Amino acid sequence: GGSLRLSCAASGRTLGTNAMGWFRQAPGKEREFVAGITWNYGFR
């Protein structure tokens, strides 16, 4: 029921990036897509 806020800062050569996102992986499970956002229009 609680909340957390994750942050991710990209550095270095970011030219060409069209989206950033989050994935997660629980023990014994495949890595799964959680959320993404495009860099131009901010489509979520």
Full PDB file with SEQRES, HELIX, SHEET, SSBOND, CRYST1, ORIGX, SCALE, CONECT and MASTER records, all heavy atoms in Angstrom:
SEQRES   1 A   44  GLY GLY SER LEU ARG LEU SER CYS ALA ALA SER GLY ARG          
SEQRES   2 A   44  THR LEU GLY THR ASN ALA MET GLY TRP PHE ARG GLN ALA          
SEQRES   3 A   44  PRO GLY LYS GLU ARG GLU PHE VAL ALA GLY ILE THR TRP          
SEQRES   4 A   44  ASN TYR GLY PHE ARG                                          
SHEET    1 AA1 2 ALA A  19  ARG A  24  0                                        
SHEET    2 AA1 2 GLU A  32  THR A  38 -1                                        
CRYST1    1.000    1.000    1.000  90.00  90.00  90.00 P 1           1          
ORIGX1      1.000000  0.000000  0.000000        0.00000                         
ORIGX2      0.000000  1.000000  0.000000        0.00000                         
ORIGX3      0.000000  0.000000  1.000000        0.00000                         
SCALE1      1.000000  0.000000  0.000000        0.00000                         
SCALE2      0.000000  1.000000  0.000000        0.00000                         
SCALE3      0.000000  0.000000  1.000000        0.00000                         
ATOM      1  N   GLY A   1       0.788  -1.215   0.000  1.00  0.00           N  
ATOM      2  CA  GLY A   1       0.000   0.000   0.000  1.00  0.00           C  
ATOM      3  C   GLY A   1       0.821   1.266   0.000  1.00  0.00           C  
ATOM      4  O   GLY A   1       0.278   2.355  -0.223  1.00  0.00           O  
ATOM      5  N   GLY A   2       2.108   1.136   0.223  1.00  0.00           N  
ATOM      6  CA  GLY A   2       2.985   2.289   0.259  1.00  0.00           C  
ATOM      7  C   GLY A   2       3.448   2.718  -1.115  1.00  0.00           C  
ATOM      8  O   GLY A   2       3.019   2.186  -2.142  1.00  0.00           O  
ATOM      9  N   SER A   3       4.361   3.680  -1.121  1.00  0.00           N  
ATOM     10  CA  SER A   3       4.830   4.276  -2.366  1.00  0.00           C  
ATOM     11  C   SER A   3       6.344   4.402  -2.383  1.00  0.00           C  
ATOM     12  O   SER A   3       6.991   4.532  -1.345  1.00  0.00           O  
ATOM     13  CB  SER A   3       4.223   5.671  -2.560  1.00  0.00           C  
ATOM     14  OG  SER A   3       2.816   5.624  -2.644  1.00  0.00           O  
ATOM     15  N   LEU A   4       6.890   4.366  -3.578  1.00  0.00           N  
ATOM     16  CA  LEU A   4       8.293   4.637  -3.819  1.00  0.00           C  
ATOM     17  C   LEU A   4       8.420   5.406  -5.125  1.00  0.00           C  
ATOM     18  O   LEU A   4       7.575   5.278  -6.009  1.00  0.00           O  
ATOM     19  CB  LEU A   4       9.120   3.355  -3.916  1.00  0.00           C  
ATOM     20  CG  LEU A   4       9.424   2.585  -2.641  1.00  0.00           C  
ATOM     21  CD1 LEU A   4      10.094   1.259  -2.991  1.00  0.00           C  
ATOM     22  CD2 LEU A   4      10.316   3.398  -1.715  1.00  0.00           C  
ATOM     23  N   ARG A   5       9.481   6.169  -5.237  1.00  0.00           N  
ATOM     24  CA  ARG A   5       9.769   6.894  -6.460  1.00  0.00           C  
ATOM     25  C   ARG A   5      11.182   6.565  -6.913  1.00  0.00           C  
ATOM     26  O   ARG A   5      12.150   6.863  -6.211  1.00  0.00           O  
ATOM     27  CB  ARG A   5       9.623   8.396  -6.256  1.00  0.00           C  
ATOM     28  CG  ARG A   5       9.760   9.231  -7.534  1.00  0.00           C  
ATOM     29  CD  ARG A   5       9.556  10.696  -7.231  1.00  0.00           C  
ATOM     30  NE  ARG A   5       9.495  11.528  -8.417  1.00  0.00           N  
ATOM     31  CZ  ARG A   5      10.339  12.519  -8.688  1.00  0.00           C  
ATOM     32  NH1 ARG A   5      11.326  12.806  -7.846  1.00  0.00           N  
ATOM     33  NH2 ARG A   5      10.193  13.232  -9.793  1.00  0.00           N  
ATOM     34  N   LEU A   6      11.291   5.955  -8.068  1.00  0.00           N  
ATOM     35  CA  LEU A   6      12.574   5.613  -8.640  1.00  0.00           C  
ATOM     36  C   LEU A   6      13.033   6.700  -9.599  1.00  0.00           C  
ATOM     37  O   LEU A   6      12.223   7.307 -10.293  1.00  0.00           O  
ATOM     38  CB  LEU A   6      12.497   4.284  -9.394  1.00  0.00           C  
ATOM     39  CG  LEU A   6      11.950   3.074  -8.628  1.00  0.00           C  
ATOM     40  CD1 LEU A   6      12.021   1.833  -9.514  1.00  0.00           C  
ATOM     41  CD2 LEU A   6      12.699   2.859  -7.331  1.00  0.00           C  
ATOM     42  N   SER A   7      14.333   6.912  -9.641  1.00  0.00           N  
ATOM     43  CA  SER A   7      14.920   7.878 -10.549  1.00  0.00           C  
ATOM     44  C   SER A   7      16.028   7.218 -11.343  1.00  0.00           C  
ATOM     45  O   SER A   7      16.714   6.324 -10.849  1.00  0.00           O  
ATOM     46  CB  SER A   7      15.490   9.082  -9.786  1.00  0.00           C  
ATOM     47  OG  SER A   7      14.488   9.761  -9.065  1.00  0.00           O  
ATOM     48  N   CYS A   8      16.214   7.680 -12.556  1.00  0.00           N  
ATOM     49  CA  CYS A   8      17.285   7.182 -13.406  1.00  0.00           C  
ATOM     50  C   CYS A   8      17.803   8.319 -14.261  1.00  0.00           C  
ATOM     51  O   CYS A   8      17.060   8.883 -15.069  1.00  0.00           O  
ATOM     52  CB  CYS A   8      16.787   6.041 -14.287  1.00  0.00           C  
ATOM     53  SG  CYS A   8      18.004   5.435 -15.474  1.00  0.00           S  
ATOM     54  N   ALA A   9      19.063   8.636 -14.091  1.00  0.00           N  
ATOM     55  CA  ALA A   9      19.705   9.689 -14.860  1.00  0.00           C  
ATOM     56  C   ALA A   9      20.660   9.078 -15.875  1.00  0.00           C  
ATOM     57  O   ALA A   9      21.519   8.272 -15.515  1.00  0.00           O  
ATOM     58  CB  ALA A   9      20.451  10.645 -13.941  1.00  0.00           C  
ATOM     59  N   ALA A  10      20.501   9.464 -17.117  1.00  0.00           N  
ATOM     60  CA  ALA A  10      21.362   8.986 -18.185  1.00  0.00           C  
ATOM     61  C   ALA A  10      22.465  10.002 -18.448  1.00  0.00           C  
ATOM     62  O   ALA A  10      22.218  11.203 -18.511  1.00  0.00           O  
ATOM     63  CB  ALA A  10      20.562   8.743 -19.461  1.00  0.00           C  
ATOM     64  N   SER A  11      23.666   9.505 -18.602  1.00  0.00           N  
ATOM     65  CA  SER A  11      24.803  10.362 -18.910  1.00  0.00           C  
ATOM     66  C   SER A  11      25.623   9.744 -20.024  1.00  0.00           C  
ATOM     67  O   SER A  11      25.391   8.612 -20.443  1.00  0.00           O  
ATOM     68  CB  SER A  11      25.661  10.593 -17.665  1.00  0.00           C  
ATOM     69  OG  SER A  11      26.185   9.371 -17.180  1.00  0.00           O  
ATOM     70  N   GLY A  12      26.608  10.493 -20.489  1.00  0.00           N  
ATOM     71  CA  GLY A  12      27.407  10.030 -21.605  1.00  0.00           C  
ATOM     72  C   GLY A  12      26.724  10.356 -22.922  1.00  0.00           C  
ATOM     73  O   GLY A  12      26.029  11.353 -23.044  1.00  0.00           O  
ATOM     74  N   ARG A  13      26.913   9.493 -23.893  1.00  0.00           N  
ATOM     75  CA  ARG A  13      26.372   9.721 -25.220  1.00  0.00           C  
ATOM     76  C   ARG A  13      24.924   9.277 -25.295  1.00  0.00           C  
ATOM     77  O   ARG A  13      24.633   8.083 -25.431  1.00  0.00           O  
ATOM     78  CB  ARG A  13      27.211   8.995 -26.272  1.00  0.00           C  
ATOM     79  CG  ARG A  13      26.886   9.413 -27.691  1.00  0.00           C  
ATOM     80  CD  ARG A  13      27.727   8.679 -28.708  1.00  0.00           C  
ATOM     81  NE  ARG A  13      27.512   9.172 -30.051  1.00  0.00           N  
ATOM     82  CZ  ARG A  13      26.522   8.791 -30.844  1.00  0.00           C  
ATOM     83  NH1 ARG A  13      25.641   7.903 -30.412  1.00  0.00           N  
ATOM     84  NH2 ARG A  13      26.414   9.304 -32.061  1.00  0.00           N  
ATOM     85  N   THR A  14      24.019  10.239 -25.204  1.00  0.00           N  
ATOM     86  CA  THR A  14      22.590   9.949 -25.249  1.00  0.00           C  
ATOM     87  C   THR A  14      21.964  10.255 -26.604  1.00  0.00           C  
ATOM     88  O   THR A  14      20.765  10.050 -26.788  1.00  0.00           O  
ATOM     89  CB  THR A  14      21.836  10.730 -24.163  1.00  0.00           C  
ATOM     90  OG1 THR A  14      22.046  12.135 -24.347  1.00  0.00           O  
ATOM     91  CG2 THR A  14      22.321  10.337 -22.780  1.00  0.00           C  
ATOM     92  N   LEU A  15      22.753  10.738 -27.538  1.00  0.00           N  
ATOM     93  CA  LEU A  15      22.245  11.052 -28.866  1.00  0.00           C  
ATOM     94  C   LEU A  15      21.647   9.805 -29.501  1.00  0.00           C  
ATOM     95  O   LEU A  15      22.274   8.739 -29.509  1.00  0.00           O  
ATOM     96  CB  LEU A  15      23.360  11.611 -29.745  1.00  0.00           C  
ATOM     97  CG  LEU A  15      22.966  12.078 -31.146  1.00  0.00           C  
ATOM     98  CD1 LEU A  15      22.033  13.276 -31.066  1.00  0.00           C  
ATOM     99  CD2 LEU A  15      24.201  12.414 -31.963  1.00  0.00           C  
ATOM    100  N   GLY A  16      20.452   9.944 -30.024  1.00  0.00           N  
ATOM    101  CA  GLY A  16      19.772   8.824 -30.643  1.00  0.00           C  
ATOM    102  C   GLY A  16      18.759   8.134 -29.753  1.00  0.00           C  
ATOM    103  O   GLY A  16      17.995   7.288 -30.226  1.00  0.00           O  
ATOM    104  N   THR A  17      18.737   8.486 -28.495  1.00  0.00           N  
ATOM    105  CA  THR A  17      17.769   7.902 -27.579  1.00  0.00           C  
ATOM    106  C   THR A  17      16.357   8.319 -27.971  1.00  0.00           C  
ATOM    107  O   THR A  17      16.080   9.497 -28.146  1.00  0.00           O  
ATOM    108  CB  THR A  17      18.054   8.341 -26.138  1.00  0.00           C  
ATOM    109  OG1 THR A  17      19.326   7.831 -25.733  1.00  0.00           O  
ATOM    110  CG2 THR A  17      16.979   7.831 -25.194  1.00  0.00           C  
ATOM    111  N   ASN A  18      15.476   7.345 -28.106  1.00  0.00           N  
ATOM    112  CA  ASN A  18      14.092   7.667 -28.430  1.00  0.00           C  
ATOM    113  C   ASN A  18      13.113   7.321 -27.313  1.00  0.00           C  
ATOM    114  O   ASN A  18      11.949   7.727 -27.368  1.00  0.00           O  
ATOM    115  CB  ASN A  18      13.659   7.007 -29.743  1.00  0.00           C  
ATOM    116  CG  ASN A  18      13.786   5.499 -29.719  1.00  0.00           C  
ATOM    117  OD1 ASN A  18      13.187   4.838 -28.874  1.00  0.00           O  
ATOM    118  ND2 ASN A  18      14.550   4.958 -30.657  1.00  0.00           N  
ATOM    119  N   ALA A  19      13.585   6.594 -26.312  1.00  0.00           N  
ATOM    120  CA  ALA A  19      12.723   6.274 -25.191  1.00  0.00           C  
ATOM    121  C   ALA A  19      13.562   5.827 -24.001  1.00  0.00           C  
ATOM    122  O   ALA A  19      14.681   5.333 -24.160  1.00  0.00           O  
ATOM    123  CB  ALA A  19      11.717   5.174 -25.550  1.00  0.00           C  
ATOM    124  N   MET A  20      13.014   6.007 -22.839  1.00  0.00           N  
ATOM    125  CA  MET A  20      13.569   5.432 -21.631  1.00  0.00           C  
ATOM    126  C   MET A  20      12.450   4.704 -20.908  1.00  0.00           C  
ATOM    127  O   MET A  20      11.271   5.042 -21.070  1.00  0.00           O  
ATOM    128  CB  MET A  20      14.184   6.500 -20.726  1.00  0.00           C  
ATOM    129  CG  MET A  20      15.414   7.165 -21.316  1.00  0.00           C  
ATOM    130  SD  MET A  20      16.185   8.374 -20.201  1.00  0.00           S  
ATOM    131  CE  MET A  20      16.791   7.286 -18.896  1.00  0.00           C  
ATOM    132  N   GLY A  21      12.832   3.720 -20.138  1.00  0.00           N  
ATOM    133  CA  GLY A  21      11.802   2.952 -19.473  1.00  0.00           C  
ATOM    134  C   GLY A  21      12.318   2.167 -18.291  1.00  0.00           C  
ATOM    135  O   GLY A  21      13.482   2.276 -17.896  1.00  0.00           O  
ATOM    136  N   TRP A  22      11.408   1.394 -17.742  1.00  0.00           N  
ATOM    137  CA  TRP A  22      11.698   0.566 -16.581  1.00  0.00           C  
ATOM    138  C   TRP A  22      11.270  -0.865 -16.827  1.00  0.00           C  
ATOM    139  O   TRP A  22      10.192  -1.124 -17.381  1.00  0.00           O  
ATOM    140  CB  TRP A  22      10.975   1.092 -15.342  1.00  0.00           C  
ATOM    141  CG  TRP A  22      11.465   2.433 -14.882  1.00  0.00           C  
ATOM    142  CD1 TRP A  22      10.985   3.655 -15.227  1.00  0.00           C  
ATOM    143  CD2 TRP A  22      12.549   2.662 -13.982  1.00  0.00           C  
ATOM    144  NE1 TRP A  22      11.701   4.642 -14.599  1.00  0.00           N  
ATOM    145  CE2 TRP A  22      12.662   4.065 -13.830  1.00  0.00           C  
ATOM    146  CE3 TRP A  22      13.422   1.832 -13.285  1.00  0.00           C  
ATOM    147  CZ2 TRP A  22      13.633   4.648 -13.007  1.00  0.00           C  
ATOM    148  CZ3 TRP A  22      14.386   2.410 -12.476  1.00  0.00           C  
ATOM    149  CH2 TRP A  22      14.476   3.801 -12.344  1.00  0.00           C  
ATOM    150  N   PHE A  23      12.115  -1.781 -16.415  1.00  0.00           N  
ATOM    151  CA  PHE A  23      11.828  -3.201 -16.413  1.00  0.00           C  
ATOM    152  C   PHE A  23      12.029  -3.725 -15.001  1.00  0.00           C  
ATOM    153  O   PHE A  23      12.644  -3.067 -14.161  1.00  0.00           O  
ATOM    154  CB  PHE A  23      12.745  -3.950 -17.382  1.00  0.00           C  
ATOM    155  CG  PHE A  23      12.476  -3.668 -18.832  1.00  0.00           C  
ATOM    156  CD1 PHE A  23      12.790  -2.443 -19.394  1.00  0.00           C  
ATOM    157  CD2 PHE A  23      11.925  -4.650 -19.642  1.00  0.00           C  
ATOM    158  CE1 PHE A  23      12.555  -2.185 -20.733  1.00  0.00           C  
ATOM    159  CE2 PHE A  23      11.688  -4.400 -20.986  1.00  0.00           C  
ATOM    160  CZ  PHE A  23      11.997  -3.173 -21.530  1.00  0.00           C  
ATOM    161  N   ARG A  24      11.521  -4.913 -14.748  1.00  0.00           N  
ATOM    162  CA  ARG A  24      11.754  -5.526 -13.456  1.00  0.00           C  
ATOM    163  C   ARG A  24      11.910  -7.027 -13.612  1.00  0.00           C  
ATOM    164  O   ARG A  24      11.418  -7.626 -14.565  1.00  0.00           O  
ATOM    165  CB  ARG A  24      10.627  -5.210 -12.474  1.00  0.00           C  
ATOM    166  CG  ARG A  24       9.282  -5.828 -12.819  1.00  0.00           C  
ATOM    167  CD  ARG A  24       8.208  -5.323 -11.866  1.00  0.00           C  
ATOM    168  NE  ARG A  24       6.914  -5.939 -12.129  1.00  0.00           N  
ATOM    169  CZ  ARG A  24       5.782  -5.586 -11.538  1.00  0.00           C  
ATOM    170  NH1 ARG A  24       5.783  -4.608 -10.624  1.00  0.00           N  
ATOM    171  NH2 ARG A  24       4.642  -6.197 -11.838  1.00  0.00           N  
ATOM    172  N   GLN A  25      12.586  -7.617 -12.655  1.00  0.00           N  
ATOM    173  CA  GLN A  25      12.795  -9.047 -12.661  1.00  0.00           C  
ATOM    174  C   GLN A  25      12.724  -9.573 -11.240  1.00  0.00           C  
ATOM    175  O   GLN A  25      13.499  -9.163 -10.376  1.00  0.00           O  
ATOM    176  CB  GLN A  25      14.140  -9.409 -13.289  1.00  0.00           C  
ATOM    177  CG  GLN A  25      14.349 -10.893 -13.470  1.00  0.00           C  
ATOM    178  CD  GLN A  25      15.564 -11.202 -14.305  1.00  0.00           C  
ATOM    179  OE1 GLN A  25      16.492 -10.400 -14.400  1.00  0.00           O  
ATOM    180  NE2 GLN A  25      15.563 -12.371 -14.926  1.00  0.00           N  
ATOM    181  N   ALA A  26      11.788 -10.470 -11.023  1.00  0.00           N  
ATOM    182  CA  ALA A  26      11.653 -11.150  -9.747  1.00  0.00           C  
ATOM    183  C   ALA A  26      12.423 -12.463  -9.802  1.00  0.00           C  
ATOM    184  O   ALA A  26      12.644 -13.013 -10.887  1.00  0.00           O  
ATOM    185  CB  ALA A  26      10.187 -11.402  -9.430  1.00  0.00           C  
ATOM    186  N   PRO A  27      12.825 -12.991  -8.658  1.00  0.00           N  
ATOM    187  CA  PRO A  27      13.564 -14.254  -8.647  1.00  0.00           C  
ATOM    188  C   PRO A  27      12.814 -15.370  -9.367  1.00  0.00           C  
ATOM    189  O   PRO A  27      11.626 -15.582  -9.128  1.00  0.00           O  
ATOM    190  CB  PRO A  27      13.712 -14.569  -7.158  1.00  0.00           C  
ATOM    191  CG  PRO A  27      13.664 -13.228  -6.498  1.00  0.00           C  
ATOM    192  CD  PRO A  27      12.676 -12.430  -7.306  1.00  0.00           C  
ATOM    193  N   GLY A  28      13.502 -16.051 -10.259  1.00  0.00           N  
ATOM    194  CA  GLY A  28      12.915 -17.156 -10.985  1.00  0.00           C  
ATOM    195  C   GLY A  28      11.999 -16.768 -12.123  1.00  0.00           C  
ATOM    196  O   GLY A  28      11.391 -17.643 -12.744  1.00  0.00           O  
ATOM    197  N   LYS A  29      11.888 -15.488 -12.402  1.00  0.00           N  
ATOM    198  CA  LYS A  29      11.005 -15.024 -13.461  1.00  0.00           C  
ATOM    199  C   LYS A  29      11.785 -14.264 -14.529  1.00  0.00           C  
ATOM    200  O   LYS A  29      12.905 -13.812 -14.303  1.00  0.00           O  
ATOM    201  CB  LYS A  29       9.903 -14.136 -12.892  1.00  0.00           C  
ATOM    202  CG  LYS A  29       8.944 -14.848 -11.950  1.00  0.00           C  
ATOM    203  CD  LYS A  29       7.810 -13.933 -11.530  1.00  0.00           C  
ATOM    204  CE  LYS A  29       6.820 -14.657 -10.637  1.00  0.00           C  
ATOM    205  NZ  LYS A  29       5.697 -13.762 -10.225  1.00  0.00           N  
ATOM    206  N   GLU A  30      11.153 -14.147 -15.682  1.00  0.00           N  
ATOM    207  CA  GLU A  30      11.744 -13.394 -16.774  1.00  0.00           C  
ATOM    208  C   GLU A  30      11.660 -11.897 -16.494  1.00  0.00           C  
ATOM    209  O   GLU A  30      10.758 -11.422 -15.798  1.00  0.00           O  
ATOM    210  CB  GLU A  30      11.031 -13.705 -18.087  1.00  0.00           C  
ATOM    211  CG  GLU A  30      11.135 -15.145 -18.543  1.00  0.00           C  
ATOM    212  CD  GLU A  30      12.513 -15.479 -19.048  1.00  0.00           C  
ATOM    213  OE1 GLU A  30      13.189 -14.577 -19.582  1.00  0.00           O  
ATOM    214  OE2 GLU A  30      12.919 -16.640 -18.909  1.00  0.00           O  
ATOM    215  N   ARG A  31      12.602 -11.177 -17.042  1.00  0.00           N  
ATOM    216  CA  ARG A  31      12.530  -9.731 -16.958  1.00  0.00           C  
ATOM    217  C   ARG A  31      11.331  -9.238 -17.754  1.00  0.00           C  
ATOM    218  O   ARG A  31      11.104  -9.667 -18.882  1.00  0.00           O  
ATOM    219  CB  ARG A  31      13.820  -9.108 -17.487  1.00  0.00           C  
ATOM    220  CG  ARG A  31      13.891  -7.603 -17.327  1.00  0.00           C  
ATOM    221  CD  ARG A  31      15.239  -7.058 -17.774  1.00  0.00           C  
ATOM    222  NE  ARG A  31      16.327  -7.578 -16.959  1.00  0.00           N  
ATOM    223  CZ  ARG A  31      17.594  -7.210 -17.097  1.00  0.00           C  
ATOM    224  NH1 ARG A  31      17.925  -6.306 -18.019  1.00  0.00           N  
ATOM    225  NH2 ARG A  31      18.520  -7.741 -16.325  1.00  0.00           N  
ATOM    226  N   GLU A  32      10.563  -8.337 -17.167  1.00  0.00           N  
ATOM    227  CA  GLU A  32       9.355  -7.868 -17.813  1.00  0.00           C  
ATOM    228  C   GLU A  32       9.330  -6.348 -17.916  1.00  0.00           C  
ATOM    229  O   GLU A  32       9.859  -5.635 -17.071  1.00  0.00           O  
ATOM    230  CB  GLU A  32       8.104  -8.358 -17.072  1.00  0.00           C  
ATOM    231  CG  GLU A  32       7.955  -7.798 -15.671  1.00  0.00           C  
ATOM    232  CD  GLU A  32       6.641  -8.173 -15.012  1.00  0.00           C  
ATOM    233  OE1 GLU A  32       5.703  -8.582 -15.729  1.00  0.00           O  
ATOM    234  OE2 GLU A  32       6.547  -8.060 -13.768  1.00  0.00           O  
ATOM    235  N   PHE A  33       8.687  -5.896 -18.951  1.00  0.00           N  
ATOM    236  CA  PHE A  33       8.493  -4.476 -19.161  1.00  0.00           C  
ATOM    237  C   PHE A  33       7.512  -3.924 -18.147  1.00  0.00           C  
ATOM    238  O   PHE A  33       6.476  -4.528 -17.877  1.00  0.00           O  
ATOM    239  CB  PHE A  33       7.974  -4.236 -20.583  1.00  0.00           C  
ATOM    240  CG  PHE A  33       7.579  -2.823 -20.869  1.00  0.00           C  
ATOM    241  CD1 PHE A  33       8.523  -1.869 -21.180  1.00  0.00           C  
ATOM    242  CD2 PHE A  33       6.247  -2.446 -20.842  1.00  0.00           C  
ATOM    243  CE1 PHE A  33       8.168  -0.564 -21.454  1.00  0.00           C  
ATOM    244  CE2 PHE A  33       5.868  -1.148 -21.111  1.00  0.00           C  
ATOM    245  CZ  PHE A  33       6.842  -0.202 -21.416  1.00  0.00           C  
ATOM    246  N   VAL A  34       7.834  -2.769 -17.590  1.00  0.00           N  
ATOM    247  CA  VAL A  34       6.971  -2.122 -16.615  1.00  0.00           C  
ATOM    248  C   VAL A  34       6.349  -0.851 -17.190  1.00  0.00           C  
ATOM    249  O   VAL A  34       5.129  -0.686 -17.183  1.00  0.00           O  
ATOM    250  CB  VAL A  34       7.734  -1.777 -15.322  1.00  0.00           C  
ATOM    251  CG1 VAL A  34       6.844  -1.005 -14.354  1.00  0.00           C  
ATOM    252  CG2 VAL A  34       8.265  -3.049 -14.664  1.00  0.00           C  
ATOM    253  N   ALA A  35       7.185   0.041 -17.669  1.00  0.00           N  
ATOM    254  CA  ALA A  35       6.702   1.315 -18.188  1.00  0.00           C  
ATOM    255  C   ALA A  35       7.753   1.939 -19.086  1.00  0.00           C  
ATOM    256  O   ALA A  35       8.947   1.727 -18.898  1.00  0.00           O  
ATOM    257  CB  ALA A  35       6.351   2.276 -17.047  1.00  0.00           C  
ATOM    258  N   GLY A  36       7.307   2.717 -20.045  1.00  0.00           N  
ATOM    259  CA  GLY A  36       8.218   3.415 -20.932  1.00  0.00           C  
ATOM    260  C   GLY A  36       7.655   4.761 -21.328  1.00  0.00           C  
ATOM    261  O   GLY A  36       6.441   4.993 -21.249  1.00  0.00           O  
ATOM    262  N   ILE A  37       8.545   5.641 -21.762  1.00  0.00           N  
ATOM    263  CA  ILE A  37       8.129   6.962 -22.207  1.00  0.00           C  
ATOM    264  C   ILE A  37       9.018   7.391 -23.356  1.00  0.00           C  
ATOM    265  O   ILE A  37      10.242   7.279 -23.292  1.00  0.00           O  
ATOM    266  CB  ILE A  37       8.153   7.976 -21.040  1.00  0.00           C  
ATOM    267  CG1 ILE A  37       7.612   9.338 -21.489  1.00  0.00           C  
ATOM    268  CG2 ILE A  37       9.554   8.106 -20.447  1.00  0.00           C  
ATOM    269  CD1 ILE A  37       7.323  10.269 -20.331  1.00  0.00           C  
ATOM    270  N   THR A  38       8.413   7.869 -24.436  1.00  0.00           N  
ATOM    271  CA  THR A  38       9.191   8.337 -25.568  1.00  0.00           C  
ATOM    272  C   THR A  38       9.766   9.706 -25.272  1.00  0.00           C  
ATOM    273  O   THR A  38       9.233  10.472 -24.463  1.00  0.00           O  
ATOM    274  CB  THR A  38       8.355   8.385 -26.853  1.00  0.00           C  
ATOM    275  OG1 THR A  38       7.314   9.359 -26.722  1.00  0.00           O  
ATOM    276  CG2 THR A  38       7.742   7.028 -27.154  1.00  0.00           C  
ATOM    277  N   TRP A  39      10.874  10.009 -25.935  1.00  0.00           N  
ATOM    278  CA  TRP A  39      11.594  11.238 -25.645  1.00  0.00           C  
ATOM    279  C   TRP A  39      11.078  12.441 -26.406  1.00  0.00           C  
ATOM    280  O   TRP A  39      11.380  13.575 -26.045  1.00  0.00           O  
ATOM    281  CB  TRP A  39      13.082  11.034 -25.925  1.00  0.00           C  
ATOM    282  CG  TRP A  39      13.953  11.684 -24.907  1.00  0.00           C  
ATOM    283  CD1 TRP A  39      14.876  12.660 -25.128  1.00  0.00           C  
ATOM    284  CD2 TRP A  39      13.979  11.416 -23.501  1.00  0.00           C  
ATOM    285  NE1 TRP A  39      15.479  13.016 -23.954  1.00  0.00           N  
ATOM    286  CE2 TRP A  39      14.953  12.267 -22.933  1.00  0.00           C  
ATOM    287  CE3 TRP A  39      13.285  10.530 -22.669  1.00  0.00           C  
ATOM    288  CZ2 TRP A  39      15.230  12.261 -21.568  1.00  0.00           C  
ATOM    289  CZ3 TRP A  39      13.557  10.531 -21.311  1.00  0.00           C  
ATOM    290  CH2 TRP A  39      14.526  11.386 -20.778  1.00  0.00           C  
ATOM    291  N   ASN A  40      10.322  12.213 -27.463  1.00  0.00           N  
ATOM    292  CA  ASN A  40       9.830  13.335 -28.254  1.00  0.00           C  
ATOM    293  C   ASN A  40       8.483  13.849 -27.764  1.00  0.00           C  
ATOM    294  O   ASN A  40       8.367  15.012 -27.344  1.00  0.00           O  
ATOM    295  CB  ASN A  40       9.776  12.967 -29.738  1.00  0.00           C  
ATOM    296  CG  ASN A  40       9.098  11.627 -29.990  1.00  0.00           C  
ATOM    297  OD1 ASN A  40       8.542  11.017 -29.095  1.00  0.00           O  
ATOM    298  ND2 ASN A  40       9.161  11.180 -31.244  1.00  0.00           N  
ATOM    299  N   TYR A  41       7.468  13.008 -27.796  1.00  0.00           N  
ATOM    300  CA  TYR A  41       6.136  13.427 -27.397  1.00  0.00           C  
ATOM    301  C   TYR A  41       5.765  13.025 -25.973  1.00  0.00           C  
ATOM    302  O   TYR A  41       4.706  13.418 -25.476  1.00  0.00           O  
ATOM    303  CB  TYR A  41       5.096  12.873 -28.362  1.00  0.00           C  
ATOM    304  CG  TYR A  41       5.256  13.376 -29.774  1.00  0.00           C  
ATOM    305  CD1 TYR A  41       5.706  12.542 -30.788  1.00  0.00           C  
ATOM    306  CD2 TYR A  41       4.964  14.701 -30.092  1.00  0.00           C  
ATOM    307  CE1 TYR A  41       5.863  13.009 -32.075  1.00  0.00           C  
ATOM    308  CE2 TYR A  41       5.118  15.172 -31.381  1.00  0.00           C  
ATOM    309  CZ  TYR A  41       5.566  14.317 -32.368  1.00  0.00           C  
ATOM    310  OH  TYR A  41       5.713  14.783 -33.654  1.00  0.00           O  
ATOM    311  N   GLY A  42       6.606  12.259 -25.328  1.00  0.00           N  
ATOM    312  CA  GLY A  42       6.301  11.812 -23.983  1.00  0.00           C  
ATOM    313  C   GLY A  42       5.184  10.793 -23.934  1.00  0.00           C  
ATOM    314  O   GLY A  42       4.455  10.732 -22.933  1.00  0.00           O  
ATOM    315  N   PHE A  43       5.042  10.013 -24.988  1.00  0.00           N  
ATOM    316  CA  PHE A  43       4.029   8.968 -24.997  1.00  0.00           C  
ATOM    317  C   PHE A  43       4.378   7.897 -23.972  1.00  0.00           C  
ATOM    318  O   PHE A  43       5.506   7.405 -23.940  1.00  0.00           O  
ATOM    319  CB  PHE A  43       3.913   8.343 -26.389  1.00  0.00           C  
ATOM    320  CG  PHE A  43       2.906   7.252 -26.477  1.00  0.00           C  
ATOM    321  CD1 PHE A  43       1.559   7.541 -26.603  1.00  0.00           C  
ATOM    322  CD2 PHE A  43       3.291   5.922 -26.429  1.00  0.00           C  
ATOM    323  CE1 PHE A  43       0.619   6.539 -26.686  1.00  0.00           C  
ATOM    324  CE2 PHE A  43       2.364   4.910 -26.504  1.00  0.00           C  
ATOM    325  CZ  PHE A  43       1.016   5.224 -26.632  1.00  0.00           C  
ATOM    326  N   ARG A  44       3.403   7.532 -23.173  1.00  0.00           N  
ATOM    327  CA  ARG A  44       3.612   6.593 -22.083  1.00  0.00           C  
ATOM    328  C   ARG A  44       2.954   5.254 -22.357  1.00  0.00           C  
ATOM    329  O   ARG A  44       1.880   5.189 -22.949  1.00  0.00           O  
ATOM    330  CB  ARG A  44       3.064   7.159 -20.777  1.00  0.00           C  
ATOM    331  CG  ARG A  44       3.780   8.413 -20.293  1.00  0.00           C  
ATOM    332  CD  ARG A  44       2.984   9.102 -19.210  1.00  0.00           C  
ATOM    333  NE  ARG A  44       3.727  10.182 -18.570  1.00  0.00           N  
ATOM    334  CZ  ARG A  44       3.815  11.412 -19.044  1.00  0.00           C  
ATOM    335  NH1 ARG A  44       3.222  11.740 -20.182  1.00  0.00           N  
ATOM    336  NH2 ARG A  44       4.504  12.340 -18.386  1.00  0.00           N  
TER     337      ARG A  44                                                      
MASTER        0    0    0    0    2    0    0    6  336    1    0    4          
END                                                                             
